[in-house]
C-alpha atoms as a PDB file:
ATOM      1  CA  UNK A   1     -18.308   2.506 -26.179  1.00  0.00           C
ATOM      2  CA  UNK A   2     -20.377   0.025 -26.948  1.00  0.00           C
ATOM      3  CA  UNK A   3     -18.391  -3.790 -25.981  1.00  0.00           C
ATOM      4  CA  UNK A   4     -17.298  -5.906 -29.271  1.00  0.00           C
ATOM      5  CA  UNK A   5     -17.280  -3.028 -31.676  1.00  0.00           C
ATOM      6  CA  UNK A   6     -14.082  -3.133 -33.749  1.00  0.00           C
ATOM      7  CA  UNK A   7     -11.624  -0.657 -32.321  1.00  0.00           C
ATOM      8  CA  UNK A   8     -11.233   1.237 -35.085  1.00  0.00           C
ATOM      9  CA  UNK A   9     -14.958   2.579 -34.441  1.00  0.00           C
ATOM     10  CA  UNK A  10     -13.518   3.798 -31.000  1.00  0.00           C
ATOM     11  CA  UNK A  11     -15.332   7.600 -30.440  1.00  0.00           C
ATOM     12  CA  UNK A  12     -13.999   9.808 -28.364  1.00  0.00           C
ATOM     13  CA  UNK A  13     -16.444  11.391 -25.694  1.00  0.00           C
ATOM     14  CA  UNK A  14     -15.442  14.637 -24.283  1.00  0.00           C
ATOM     15  CA  UNK A  15     -17.069  14.261 -20.904  1.00  0.00           C
ATOM     16  CA  UNK A  16     -15.390  11.090 -20.323  1.00  0.00           C
ATOM     17  CA  UNK A  17     -14.533  11.109 -16.368  1.00  0.00           C
ATOM     18  CA  UNK A  18     -11.001  12.773 -16.011  1.00  0.00           C
ATOM     19  CA  UNK A  19      -8.064  11.851 -13.509  1.00  0.00           C
ATOM     20  CA  UNK A  20      -4.729  13.391 -12.531  1.00  0.00           C
ATOM     21  CA  UNK A  21      -1.590  11.773 -13.618  1.00  0.00           C
ATOM     22  CA  UNK A  22       0.794  11.725 -10.381  1.00  0.00           C
ATOM     23  CA  UNK A  23       4.249   9.822 -10.438  1.00  0.00           C
ATOM     24  CA  UNK A  24       5.072   7.375  -7.793  1.00  0.00           C
ATOM     25  CA  UNK A  25       8.971   8.628  -7.712  1.00  0.00           C
ATOM     26  CA  UNK A  26       7.946  12.200  -7.476  1.00  0.00           C
ATOM     27  CA  UNK A  27       4.963  13.129  -5.907  1.00  0.00           C
ATOM     28  CA  UNK A  28       4.276  15.843  -8.775  1.00  0.00           C
ATOM     29  CA  UNK A  29       1.411  15.745 -11.380  1.00  0.00           C
ATOM     30  CA  UNK A  30       1.675  15.590 -14.964  1.00  0.00           C
ATOM     31  CA  UNK A  31       0.561  19.075 -16.669  1.00  0.00           C
ATOM     32  CA  UNK A  32       0.146  20.440 -20.440  1.00  0.00           C
ATOM     33  CA  UNK A  33       0.812  23.935 -21.302  1.00  0.00           C
ATOM     34  CA  UNK A  34      -1.191  25.908 -22.977  1.00  0.00           C
ATOM     35  CA  UNK A  35       0.988  27.978 -25.177  1.00  0.00           C
ATOM     36  CA  UNK A  36       3.583  25.360 -26.878  1.00  0.00           C
ATOM     37  CA  UNK A  37       2.076  21.706 -26.190  1.00  0.00           C
ATOM     38  CA  UNK A  38       4.842  20.985 -23.267  1.00  0.00           C
ATOM     39  CA  UNK A  39       4.926  19.100 -20.407  1.00  0.00           C
ATOM     40  CA  UNK A  40       5.741  19.475 -17.075  1.00  0.00           C
ATOM     41  CA  UNK A  41       5.877  18.280 -13.335  1.00  0.00           C
ATOM     42  CA  UNK A  42       3.912  20.670 -11.192  1.00  0.00           C
ATOM     43  CA  UNK A  43       2.167  19.989  -7.805  1.00  0.00           C
ATOM     44  CA  UNK A  44      -1.344  18.129  -8.083  1.00  0.00           C
ATOM     45  CA  UNK A  45      -3.684  20.511  -8.076  1.00  0.00           C
ATOM     46  CA  UNK A  46      -7.790  18.846  -9.084  1.00  0.00           C
ATOM     47  CA  UNK A  47      -9.343  22.381  -9.594  1.00  0.00           C
ATOM     48  CA  UNK A  48      -6.351  22.491 -13.126  1.00  0.00           C
ATOM     49  CA  UNK A  49      -7.874  21.319 -16.223  1.00  0.00           C
ATOM     50  CA  UNK A  50      -4.496  21.252 -17.774  1.00  0.00           C
ATOM     51  CA  UNK A  51      -3.840  18.772 -14.901  1.00  0.00           C
ATOM     52  CA  UNK A  52      -6.922  16.265 -15.814  1.00  0.00           C
ATOM     53  CA  UNK A  53      -6.263  13.525 -18.284  1.00  0.00           C
ATOM     54  CA  UNK A  54      -8.854  10.743 -19.249  1.00  0.00           C
ATOM     55  CA  UNK A  55      -8.411   7.868 -21.791  1.00  0.00           C
ATOM     56  CA  UNK A  56     -10.097   7.910 -25.057  1.00  0.00           C
ATOM     57  CA  UNK A  57      -9.379   4.731 -26.571  1.00  0.00           C
ATOM     58  CA  UNK A  58      -5.478   3.872 -26.201  1.00  0.00           C
ATOM     59  CA  UNK A  59      -4.887   7.673 -26.192  1.00  0.00           C
ATOM     60  CA  UNK A  60      -4.847   9.801 -23.437  1.00  0.00           C
ATOM     61  CA  UNK A  61      -6.957  13.531 -23.693  1.00  0.00           C
ATOM     62  CA  UNK A  62      -5.955  16.426 -21.566  1.00  0.00           C
ATOM     63  CA  UNK A  63      -8.952  18.056 -20.777  1.00  0.00           C
ATOM     64  CA  UNK A  64      -7.514  21.871 -20.775  1.00  0.00           C
ATOM     65  CA  UNK A  65      -6.052  21.680 -24.133  1.00  0.00           C
ATOM     66  CA  UNK A  66      -8.080  19.289 -25.554  1.00  0.00           C
ATOM     67  CA  UNK A  67      -4.623  17.644 -26.745  1.00  0.00           C
ATOM     68  CA  UNK A  68      -3.278  14.047 -27.034  1.00  0.00           C
ATOM     69  CA  UNK A  69      -0.202  12.611 -25.272  1.00  0.00           C
ATOM     70  CA  UNK A  70       1.987  11.921 -27.922  1.00  0.00           C
ATOM     71  CA  UNK A  71       6.069  11.083 -29.043  1.00  0.00           C
ATOM     72  CA  UNK A  72       7.654  14.150 -30.706  1.00  0.00           C
ATOM     73  CA  UNK A  73      10.748  12.878 -31.600  1.00  0.00           C
ATOM     74  CA  UNK A  74      13.379  10.559 -29.789  1.00  0.00           C
ATOM     75  CA  UNK A  75      12.741  10.176 -26.031  1.00  0.00           C
ATOM     76  CA  UNK A  76      10.867  13.680 -26.953  1.00  0.00           C
ATOM     77  CA  UNK A  77       6.998  14.016 -25.315  1.00  0.00           C
ATOM     78  CA  UNK A  78       4.238  16.740 -25.799  1.00  0.00           C
ATOM     79  CA  UNK A  79       0.476  16.829 -26.374  1.00  0.00           C
ATOM     80  CA  UNK A  80      -0.635  17.222 -30.200  1.00  0.00           C
ATOM     81  CA  UNK A  81      -3.552  17.395 -31.682  1.00  0.00           C
ATOM     82  CA  UNK A  82      -5.656  13.973 -31.403  1.00  0.00           C
ATOM     83  CA  UNK A  83      -6.165  11.931 -34.428  1.00  0.00           C
ATOM     84  CA  UNK A  84      -3.216  14.066 -35.872  1.00  0.00           C
ATOM     85  CA  UNK A  85      -0.180  12.857 -38.144  1.00  0.00           C
ATOM     86  CA  UNK A  86       1.854  12.782 -34.629  1.00  0.00           C
ATOM     87  CA  UNK A  87      -0.724  10.976 -32.737  1.00  0.00           C
ATOM     88  CA  UNK A  88       0.214   8.534 -30.160  1.00  0.00           C
ATOM     89  CA  UNK A  89      -1.670   5.605 -29.041  1.00  0.00           C
ATOM     90  CA  UNK A  90      -0.307   4.544 -25.605  1.00  0.00           C
ATOM     91  CA  UNK A  91       0.040   0.780 -23.631  1.00  0.00           C
ATOM     92  CA  UNK A  92      -0.766   0.654 -20.351  1.00  0.00           C
ATOM     93  CA  UNK A  93       0.469  -2.154 -17.941  1.00  0.00           C
ATOM     94  CA  UNK A  94       1.497  -2.124 -14.215  1.00  0.00           C
ATOM     95  CA  UNK A  95       1.162   1.460 -14.118  1.00  0.00           C
ATOM     96  CA  UNK A  96       4.001   1.725 -16.682  1.00  0.00           C
ATOM     97  CA  UNK A  97       3.069   3.892 -19.856  1.00  0.00           C
ATOM     98  CA  UNK A  98       4.659   2.684 -23.186  1.00  0.00           C
ATOM     99  CA  UNK A  99       3.960   3.697 -26.942  1.00  0.00           C
ATOM    100  CA  UNK A 100       2.308   1.490 -28.477  1.00  0.00           C
ATOM    101  CA  UNK A 101       4.204  -0.955 -30.807  1.00  0.00           C
ATOM    102  CA  UNK A 102       7.368   0.847 -30.260  1.00  0.00           C
ATOM    103  CA  UNK A 103      10.321  -0.265 -28.114  1.00  0.00           C
ATOM    104  CA  UNK A 104      11.172   3.290 -27.286  1.00  0.00           C
ATOM    105  CA  UNK A 105      10.739   3.010 -23.786  1.00  0.00           C
ATOM    106  CA  UNK A 106       8.305   4.280 -20.810  1.00  0.00           C
ATOM    107  CA  UNK A 107       6.920   7.341 -19.638  1.00  0.00           C
ATOM    108  CA  UNK A 108       9.483   8.208 -17.070  1.00  0.00           C
ATOM    109  CA  UNK A 109       9.712  11.932 -14.926  1.00  0.00           C
ATOM    110  CA  UNK A 110      12.824  13.170 -14.889  1.00  0.00           C
ATOM    111  CA  UNK A 111      13.002  16.179 -12.332  1.00  0.00           C
ATOM    112  CA  UNK A 112      10.544  18.637 -14.060  1.00  0.00           C
ATOM    113  CA  UNK A 113       9.947  17.435 -17.542  1.00  0.00           C
ATOM    114  CA  UNK A 114       8.964  13.853 -18.693  1.00  0.00           C
ATOM    115  CA  UNK A 115      11.042  11.739 -21.463  1.00  0.00           C
ATOM    116  CA  UNK A 116      10.829   8.289 -22.769  1.00  0.00           C
ATOM    117  CA  UNK A 117      13.343   5.990 -21.127  1.00  0.00           C
ATOM    118  CA  UNK A 118      13.996   2.039 -20.475  1.00  0.00           C
ATOM    119  CA  UNK A 119      13.785   2.662 -17.103  1.00  0.00           C
ATOM    120  CA  UNK A 120      11.004   0.655 -14.930  1.00  0.00           C
ATOM    121  CA  UNK A 121      11.437   2.332 -11.530  1.00  0.00           C
ATOM    122  CA  UNK A 122       8.957   4.434  -9.549  1.00  0.00           C
ATOM    123  CA  UNK A 123      10.280   7.092 -12.031  1.00  0.00           C
ATOM    124  CA  UNK A 124       7.858   4.974 -15.047  1.00  0.00           C
ATOM    125  CA  UNK A 125       4.819   4.810 -12.367  1.00  0.00           C
ATOM    126  CA  UNK A 126       1.721   6.463 -12.752  1.00  0.00           C
ATOM    127  CA  UNK A 127      -0.757   6.857 -10.355  1.00  0.00           C
ATOM    128  CA  UNK A 128      -4.074   9.107  -9.724  1.00  0.00           C
ATOM    129  CA  UNK A 129      -4.240  10.941  -6.590  1.00  0.00           C
ATOM    130  CA  UNK A 130      -5.815   7.889  -4.698  1.00  0.00           C
ATOM    131  CA  UNK A 131      -2.815   6.109  -5.862  1.00  0.00           C
ATOM    132  CA  UNK A 132      -4.504   3.766  -8.009  1.00  0.00           C
ATOM    133  CA  UNK A 133      -2.404   2.966 -11.210  1.00  0.00           C
ATOM    134  CA  UNK A 134      -3.796   4.858 -14.238  1.00  0.00           C
ATOM    135  CA  UNK A 135      -3.792   1.526 -15.705  1.00  0.00           C
ATOM    136  CA  UNK A 136      -7.086   0.558 -13.725  1.00  0.00           C
ATOM    137  CA  UNK A 137      -8.850   4.207 -15.088  1.00  0.00           C
ATOM    138  CA  UNK A 138      -8.313   2.904 -18.547  1.00  0.00           C
ATOM    139  CA  UNK A 139      -9.851  -0.770 -17.984  1.00  0.00           C
ATOM    140  CA  UNK A 140     -13.162   0.989 -16.067  1.00  0.00           C
ATOM    141  CA  UNK A 141     -13.230   3.209 -19.204  1.00  0.00           C
ATOM    142  CA  UNK A 142     -12.562   0.253 -21.538  1.00  0.00           C
ATOM    143  CA  UNK A 143     -14.813  -2.329 -19.571  1.00  0.00           C
ATOM    144  CA  UNK A 144     -11.542  -4.528 -20.260  1.00  0.00           C
ATOM    145  CA  UNK A 145      -9.167  -5.939 -18.182  1.00  0.00           C
ATOM    146  CA  UNK A 146      -5.307  -6.057 -18.644  1.00  0.00           C
ATOM    147  CA  UNK A 147      -3.952  -7.489 -21.922  1.00  0.00           C
ATOM    148  CA  UNK A 148      -2.237  -9.968 -19.588  1.00  0.00           C
ATOM    149  CA  UNK A 149      -5.719 -11.308 -18.266  1.00  0.00           C
ATOM    150  CA  UNK A 150      -7.659 -11.172 -21.866  1.00  0.00           C
ATOM    151  CA  UNK A 151      -7.693 -14.798 -22.008  1.00  0.00           C
ATOM    152  CA  UNK A 152      -9.104 -15.299 -18.805  1.00  0.00           C
ATOM    153  CA  UNK A 153     -11.966 -12.840 -19.220  1.00  0.00           C
ATOM    154  CA  UNK A 154     -15.684 -12.883 -20.075  1.00  0.00           C
ATOM    155  CA  UNK A 155     -18.500 -10.413 -20.500  1.00  0.00           C
ATOM    156  CA  UNK A 156     -21.489  -9.661 -18.367  1.00  0.00           C
ATOM    157  CA  UNK A 157     -23.674  -8.102 -21.905  1.00  0.00           C
ATOM    158  CA  UNK A 158     -26.474  -7.555 -19.318  1.00  0.00           C
ATOM    159  CA  UNK A 159     -24.746  -5.917 -16.029  1.00  0.00           C
ATOM    160  CA  UNK A 160     -22.139  -4.233 -18.099  1.00  0.00           C
ATOM    161  CA  UNK A 161     -19.702  -5.346 -15.773  1.00  0.00           C
ATOM    162  CA  UNK A 162     -16.603  -7.506 -16.846  1.00  0.00           C
ATOM    163  CA  UNK A 163     -16.170 -10.551 -14.768  1.00  0.00           C
ATOM    164  CA  UNK A 164     -13.743 -13.204 -15.079  1.00  0.00           C
ATOM    165  CA  UNK A 165     -14.948 -16.899 -15.491  1.00  0.00           C
ATOM    166  CA  UNK A 166     -13.974 -17.935 -11.901  1.00  0.00           C
ATOM    167  CA  UNK A 167     -16.331 -15.198 -10.804  1.00  0.00           C
ATOM    168  CA  UNK A 168     -13.790 -12.680  -9.573  1.00  0.00           C
ATOM    169  CA  UNK A 169     -15.266  -9.355 -10.295  1.00  0.00           C
ATOM    170  CA  UNK A 170     -13.024  -6.174 -11.655  1.00  0.00           C
ATOM    171  CA  UNK A 171     -12.459  -4.709  -8.131  1.00  0.00           C
ATOM    172  CA  UNK A 172     -11.148  -7.915  -6.579  1.00  0.00           C
ATOM    173  CA  UNK A 173      -9.132  -8.615  -9.298  1.00  0.00           C
ATOM    174  CA  UNK A 174      -7.494  -5.142  -9.318  1.00  0.00           C
ATOM    175  CA  UNK A 175      -6.725  -5.563  -5.892  1.00  0.00           C
ATOM    176  CA  UNK A 176      -5.063  -8.827  -6.647  1.00  0.00           C
ATOM    177  CA  UNK A 177      -3.024  -7.372  -9.282  1.00  0.00           C
ATOM    178  CA  UNK A 178      -2.051  -4.661  -7.013  1.00  0.00           C
ATOM    179  CA  UNK A 179      -0.910  -7.076  -4.293  1.00  0.00           C
ATOM    180  CA  UNK A 180       0.645  -9.176  -6.727  1.00  0.00           C
ATOM    181  CA  UNK A 181       2.340  -6.526  -8.661  1.00  0.00           C
ATOM    182  CA  UNK A 182       6.749  -6.148  -9.555  1.00  0.00           C
ATOM    183  CA  UNK A 183       8.067  -3.275  -7.989  1.00  0.00           C
ATOM    184  CA  UNK A 184      11.838  -1.836  -8.302  1.00  0.00           C
ATOM    185  CA  UNK A 185      13.304  -3.801  -5.602  1.00  0.00           C
ATOM    186  CA  UNK A 186      16.624  -1.773  -5.285  1.00  0.00           C
ATOM    187  CA  UNK A 187      15.508   0.409  -2.564  1.00  0.00           C
ATOM    188  CA  UNK A 188      14.311  -2.902  -0.590  1.00  0.00           C
ATOM    189  CA  UNK A 189      17.654  -4.765  -1.744  1.00  0.00           C
ATOM    190  CA  UNK A 190      19.580  -1.860  -0.275  1.00  0.00           C
ATOM    191  CA  UNK A 191      17.719  -1.915   3.072  1.00  0.00           C
ATOM    192  CA  UNK A 192      18.319  -5.476   3.632  1.00  0.00           C
ATOM    193  CA  UNK A 193      21.849  -4.887   3.219  1.00  0.00           C
ATOM    194  CA  UNK A 194      22.132  -2.151   5.559  1.00  0.00           C
ATOM    195  CA  UNK A 195      20.710  -3.910   8.048  1.00  0.00           C
ATOM    196  CA  UNK A 196      22.573  -6.959   7.576  1.00  0.00           C
ATOM    197  CA  UNK A 197      25.914  -4.758   7.598  1.00  0.00           C
ATOM    198  CA  UNK A 198      24.539  -3.429  11.113  1.00  0.00           C
ATOM    199  CA  UNK A 199      23.461  -6.875  12.747  1.00  0.00           C
ATOM    200  CA  UNK A 200      26.887  -8.242  11.588  1.00  0.00           C
ATOM    201  CA  UNK A 201      28.792  -5.458  12.975  1.00  0.00           C
ATOM    202  CA  UNK A 202      26.731  -5.637  16.450  1.00  0.00           C
ATOM    203  CA  UNK A 203      27.374  -9.420  16.300  1.00  0.00           C
ATOM    204  CA  UNK A 204      31.071  -8.540  15.844  1.00  0.00           C
ATOM    205  CA  UNK A 205      31.047  -6.251  18.582  1.00  0.00           C
ATOM    206  CA  UNK A 206      29.245  -8.308  21.350  1.00  0.00           C
ATOM    207  CA  UNK A 207      31.786 -11.252  20.410  1.00  0.00           C
ATOM    208  CA  UNK A 208      34.864  -8.803  21.341  1.00  0.00           C
ATOM    209  CA  UNK A 209      33.286  -7.759  24.600  1.00  0.00           C
ATOM    210  CA  UNK A 210      32.763 -11.620  25.572  1.00  0.00           C
ATOM    211  CA  UNK A 211      36.028 -12.105  24.650  1.00  0.00           C
ATOM    212  CA  UNK A 212      37.300  -9.348  26.636  1.00  0.00           C
ATOM    213  CA  UNK A 213      35.055 -10.370  29.860  1.00  0.00           C
ATOM    214  CA  UNK A 214      36.220 -14.064  29.512  1.00  0.00           C
ATOM    215  CA  UNK A 215      39.996 -13.357  29.115  1.00  0.00           C
ATOM    216  CA  UNK A 216      39.810 -10.943  32.490  1.00  0.00           C
ATOM    217  CA  UNK A 217      37.867 -13.334  34.704  1.00  0.00           C
ATOM    218  CA  UNK A 218      40.797 -15.425  33.848  1.00  0.00           C
ATOM    219  CA  UNK A 219      43.549 -13.247  35.449  1.00  0.00           C
ATOM    220  CA  UNK A 220      41.505 -12.527  37.832  1.00  0.00           C
ATOM    221  CA  UNK A 221      40.691 -16.632  39.025  1.00  0.00           C
ATOM    222  CA  UNK A 222      44.866 -16.864  38.313  1.00  0.00           C
ATOM    223  CA  UNK A 223      45.582 -14.004  40.592  1.00  0.00           C
ATOM    224  CA  UNK A 224      43.136 -15.501  43.575  1.00  0.00           C
ATOM    225  CA  UNK A 225      44.988 -18.891  43.128  1.00  0.00           C
ATOM    226  CA  UNK A 226      48.413 -17.286  43.575  1.00  0.00           C
ATOM    227  CA  UNK A 227      47.070 -15.461  46.449  1.00  0.00           C
ATOM    228  CA  UNK A 228      45.341 -18.961  47.762  1.00  0.00           C
ATOM    229  CA  UNK A 229      48.634 -20.716  47.434  1.00  0.00           C
ATOM    230  CA  UNK A 230      50.862 -18.124  49.072  1.00  0.00           C
ATOM    231  CA  UNK A 231      48.737 -17.828  51.619  1.00  0.00           C
ATOM    232  CA  UNK A 232      48.719 -21.414  52.314  1.00  0.00           C
ATOM    233  CA  UNK A 233      52.279 -21.902  52.445  1.00  0.00           C
ATOM    234  CA  UNK A 234      52.809 -19.194  54.688  1.00  0.00           C
ATOM    235  CA  UNK A 235      50.466 -20.813  56.971  1.00  0.00           C
ATOM    236  CA  UNK A 236      52.135 -24.343  57.036  1.00  0.00           C
ATOM    237  CA  UNK A 237      55.586 -22.482  57.444  1.00  0.00           C
ATOM    238  CA  UNK A 238      53.997 -20.791  60.531  1.00  0.00           C
ATOM    239  CA  UNK A 239      52.945 -24.209  61.703  1.00  0.00           C
ATOM    240  CA  UNK A 240      56.624 -25.437  61.456  1.00  0.00           C
ATOM    241  CA  UNK A 241      58.239 -22.974  63.528  1.00  0.00           C
ATOM    242  CA  UNK A 242      60.254 -24.276  66.020  1.00  0.00           C
ATOM    243  CA  UNK A 243      59.095 -23.552  69.431  1.00  0.00           C
ATOM    244  CA  UNK A 244      61.903 -21.545  70.937  1.00  0.00           C
ATOM    245  CA  UNK A 245      60.895 -18.984  68.405  1.00  0.00           C
ATOM    246  CA  UNK A 246      57.831 -18.571  70.505  1.00  0.00           C
ATOM    247  CA  UNK A 247      59.856 -18.412  73.559  1.00  0.00           C
ATOM    248  CA  UNK A 248      62.710 -15.968  72.373  1.00  0.00           C
ATOM    249  CA  UNK A 249      59.647 -13.243  73.203  1.00  0.00           C
ATOM    250  CA  UNK A 250      59.623 -13.789  76.771  1.00  0.00           C
ATOM    251  CA  UNK A 251      63.017 -13.127  77.578  1.00  0.00           C
ATOM    252  CA  UNK A 252      62.012 -12.745  81.606  1.00  0.00           C
ATOM    253  CA  UNK A 253      60.624 -16.498  81.933  1.00  0.00           C
ATOM    254  CA  UNK A 254      64.220 -17.769  80.693  1.00  0.00           C
ATOM    255  CA  UNK A 255      67.677 -17.785  82.960  1.00  0.00           C
ATOM    256  CA  UNK A 256      70.884 -16.953  81.039  1.00  0.00           C
ATOM    257  CA  UNK A 257      73.154 -19.719  81.526  1.00  0.00           C
ATOM    258  CA  UNK A 258      75.872 -18.872  83.429  1.00  0.00           C
ATOM    259  CA  UNK A 259      78.692 -17.124  82.248  1.00  0.00           C
ATOM    260  CA  UNK A 260      81.414 -18.655  84.114  1.00  0.00           C
ATOM    261  CA  UNK A 261      81.464 -22.734  84.041  1.00  0.00           C
ATOM    262  CA  UNK A 262      83.834 -24.848  85.469  1.00  0.00           C
ATOM    263  CA  UNK A 263      85.722 -27.429  83.205  1.00  0.00           C
ATOM    264  CA  UNK A 264      83.791 -30.679  82.248  1.00  0.00           C
ATOM    265  CA  UNK A 265      80.912 -29.182  83.833  1.00  0.00           C
ATOM    266  CA  UNK A 266      77.795 -30.444  82.297  1.00  0.00           C
ATOM    267  CA  UNK A 267      74.284 -27.996  82.671  1.00  0.00           C
ATOM    268  CA  UNK A 268      70.805 -28.655  81.755  1.00  0.00           C
ATOM    269  CA  UNK A 269      68.621 -26.233  81.411  1.00  0.00           C
ATOM    270  CA  UNK A 270      65.060 -27.359  82.136  1.00  0.00           C
ATOM    271  CA  UNK A 271      61.553 -26.184  80.740  1.00  0.00           C
ATOM    272  CA  UNK A 272      60.328 -24.111  84.131  1.00  0.00           C
ATOM    273  CA  UNK A 273      63.752 -22.170  82.456  1.00  0.00           C
ATOM    274  CA  UNK A 274      66.150 -23.195  85.941  1.00  0.00           C
ATOM    275  CA  UNK A 275      69.690 -24.290  84.916  1.00  0.00           C
ATOM    276  CA  UNK A 276      71.536 -27.048  86.904  1.00  0.00           C
ATOM    277  CA  UNK A 277      74.528 -29.053  86.920  1.00  0.00           C
ATOM    278  CA  UNK A 278      73.886 -32.614  85.505  1.00  0.00           C
ATOM    279  CA  UNK A 279      76.379 -34.239  88.326  1.00  0.00           C
ATOM    280  CA  UNK A 280      76.337 -32.047  91.404  1.00  0.00           C
ATOM    281  CA  UNK A 281      79.917 -31.243  93.055  1.00  0.00           C
ATOM    282  CA  UNK A 282      81.176 -33.848  95.487  1.00  0.00           C
ATOM    283  CA  UNK A 283      83.381 -33.766  98.467  1.00  0.00           C
ATOM    284  CA  UNK A 284      87.012 -34.519  97.487  1.00  0.00           C
ATOM    285  CA  UNK A 285      87.309 -37.026 100.565  1.00  0.00           C
ATOM    286  CA  UNK A 286      84.811 -39.221  98.899  1.00  0.00           C
ATOM    287  CA  UNK A 287      87.023 -39.426  95.452  1.00  0.00           C
END
């Protein structure tokens, strides 16, 4: 297709480079049925012509059936004759495919079939076997950039490659678009939520363990203080015991006071254990 021609003069070439359309969620490839035009989701097989697709302008043609991807009814998609009454043009942006000029939704993989739905998650994203967006295939075959950057693109008619006015070539731009793509954030949000819950649980567990250990440490310190006070009190009592208690354990060193004492006699027990009368006996004649 020559650049600069109106879109109505676009010519279809059968030898356009083909690619597989793999869904980013189910990892299966879109396959056209040669019998009834239905669409299937099968394991990717680069050798199958019924899984080979190519952009013909705004149409997606299957190389096995030589028919194009078209909308057959409400949310129903199949293949039909290219350029026929059921022919459908497709808008491609950020790996999303939607009928051009329609609000029916996006091409979505649903189990083993494809339908139109307003979902914009991974089920609505289509790539080739190299995990490149099918929109990049369209940009390479059209020689254009996505419509979102149409105001900034410039054409190099001599080299045949599209370049930006800032000097960025198409490959670098596609890498930037891939880097800044907007994916479905549900999986990431759920992962962050789960990690936050685990971190909170671990923090509460560590806090509980720390509280229990501090309580046990205080109880142990209190018991040690009580035992120390009791020991100090016991030692003080032992230091204040009378001297007689130590002597009571040596009965052999003491002499018992005579059982029979005379009336009015005063006796003294000395430290060595001897007992003597305070007043000695006097002769009766001396009185």
